[in-house]
Amino acid sequence: MCGFSSSEAIGQSPRLTQGHDSDPETIRGIRIAVQEERPCRVRIVNYRGGASGQPFWNCLTVRAAGGRAGHILPSPPLPSAP
C-alpha cells in the first residue's frame, strides 16, 4: 500500500513512512497515546517507499488490541480527527 516491500517493512516501526513534512507534534501525540495505551486518530503526511518517495495524507487510527494478560479489551470511542 505504501510502496515498501515486505522485506523493507517487516520488523520496522511506522516511522519508516515519516519524512520531512511529517508533523513532529502529531508524531509526539501518537507516541504519547501509545505509551498511555489510549486510542488516537490523526492525519499525518507520510511518504511512500520505493523510488517515488511521494508524500500522502494518512488518516491513522491507533488503539490497543489487547490487555497485558492478552485479553481483548473494549475500546472507548475515538476522538474526532482534526
Protein backbone atom coordinates (compact mmCIF):
# COMPACT_ATOMS: atom_id res chain seq x y z
CA MET A 1 0.00 0.00 0.00
CA CYS A 2 2.77 2.46 0.84
CA GLY A 3 5.24 1.16 -1.73
CA PHE A 4 7.53 -0.69 0.67
CA SER A 5 8.34 -4.33 0.01
CA SER A 6 7.63 -6.81 2.78
CA SER A 7 11.37 -7.21 3.36
CA GLU A 8 11.67 -3.43 3.86
CA ALA A 9 8.62 -3.15 6.13
CA ILE A 10 8.55 -6.28 8.33
CA GLY A 11 10.02 -5.59 11.73
CA GLN A 12 10.13 -1.83 11.16
CA SER A 13 8.46 0.91 13.13
CA PRO A 14 5.74 3.03 11.49
CA ARG A 15 8.43 5.76 11.50
CA LEU A 16 9.52 4.11 8.25
CA THR A 17 6.89 6.18 6.43
CA GLN A 18 7.64 9.50 8.15
CA GLY A 19 9.63 12.24 6.46
CA HIS A 20 10.34 15.93 6.06
CA ASP A 21 6.73 17.16 6.23
CA SER A 22 5.51 14.73 8.91
CA ASP A 23 4.39 16.99 11.76
CA PRO A 24 6.52 16.48 14.90
CA GLU A 25 3.61 17.40 17.21
CA THR A 26 1.38 14.79 15.55
CA ILE A 27 4.14 12.19 15.89
CA ARG A 28 4.54 13.15 19.56
CA GLY A 29 0.77 12.77 20.09
CA ILE A 30 0.84 9.28 18.59
CA ARG A 31 3.79 8.30 20.79
CA ILE A 32 2.08 9.56 23.95
CA ALA A 33 -1.18 7.78 23.10
CA VAL A 34 0.69 4.50 22.58
CA GLN A 35 2.62 4.93 25.85
CA GLU A 36 -0.61 5.68 27.71
CA GLU A 37 -2.42 2.81 25.95
CA ARG A 38 -5.22 5.06 24.75
CA PRO A 39 -6.70 5.33 21.26
CA CYS A 40 -5.95 8.21 18.93
CA ARG A 41 -6.90 9.27 15.43
CA VAL A 42 -4.70 11.66 13.43
CA ARG A 43 -4.00 12.92 9.93
CA ILE A 44 -0.32 12.93 9.09
CA VAL A 45 1.82 13.36 5.99
CA ASN A 46 3.64 10.09 5.33
CA TYR A 47 5.83 9.00 2.42
CA ARG A 48 5.62 6.10 0.01
CA GLY A 49 8.54 3.72 -0.29
CA GLY A 50 10.47 2.86 -3.38
CA ALA A 51 11.81 5.31 -5.93
CA SER A 52 8.86 7.72 -5.77
CA GLY A 53 9.03 8.69 -2.10
CA GLN A 54 5.80 10.62 -2.73
CA PRO A 55 4.06 12.22 0.25
CA PHE A 56 0.45 11.30 1.03
CA TRP A 57 -2.08 12.15 3.73
CA ASN A 58 -2.55 9.22 6.08
CA CYS A 59 -5.64 9.08 8.30
CA LEU A 60 -4.22 6.91 11.06
CA THR A 61 -6.18 5.24 13.84
CA VAL A 62 -4.27 3.61 16.70
CA ARG A 63 -5.80 1.61 19.52
CA ALA A 64 -4.69 -1.20 21.80
CA ALA A 65 -5.68 -4.67 20.63
CA GLY A 66 -5.38 -6.49 23.94
CA GLY A 67 -4.66 -6.17 27.60
CA ARG A 68 -1.50 -7.03 29.46
CA ALA A 69 -2.72 -10.58 30.04
CA GLY A 70 -3.60 -10.99 26.35
CA HIS A 71 -7.32 -10.39 26.75
CA ILE A 72 -9.14 -8.27 24.21
CA LEU A 73 -10.25 -5.03 25.80
CA PRO A 74 -13.27 -2.93 24.87
CA SER A 75 -12.14 0.41 23.49
CA PRO A 76 -13.76 3.77 24.12
CA PRO A 77 -14.98 5.84 21.20
CA LEU A 78 -12.18 7.50 19.25
CA PRO A 79 -11.78 11.28 19.30
CA SER A 80 -12.66 13.11 16.10
CA ALA A 81 -9.79 13.73 13.71
CA PRO A 82 -8.61 17.33 13.46
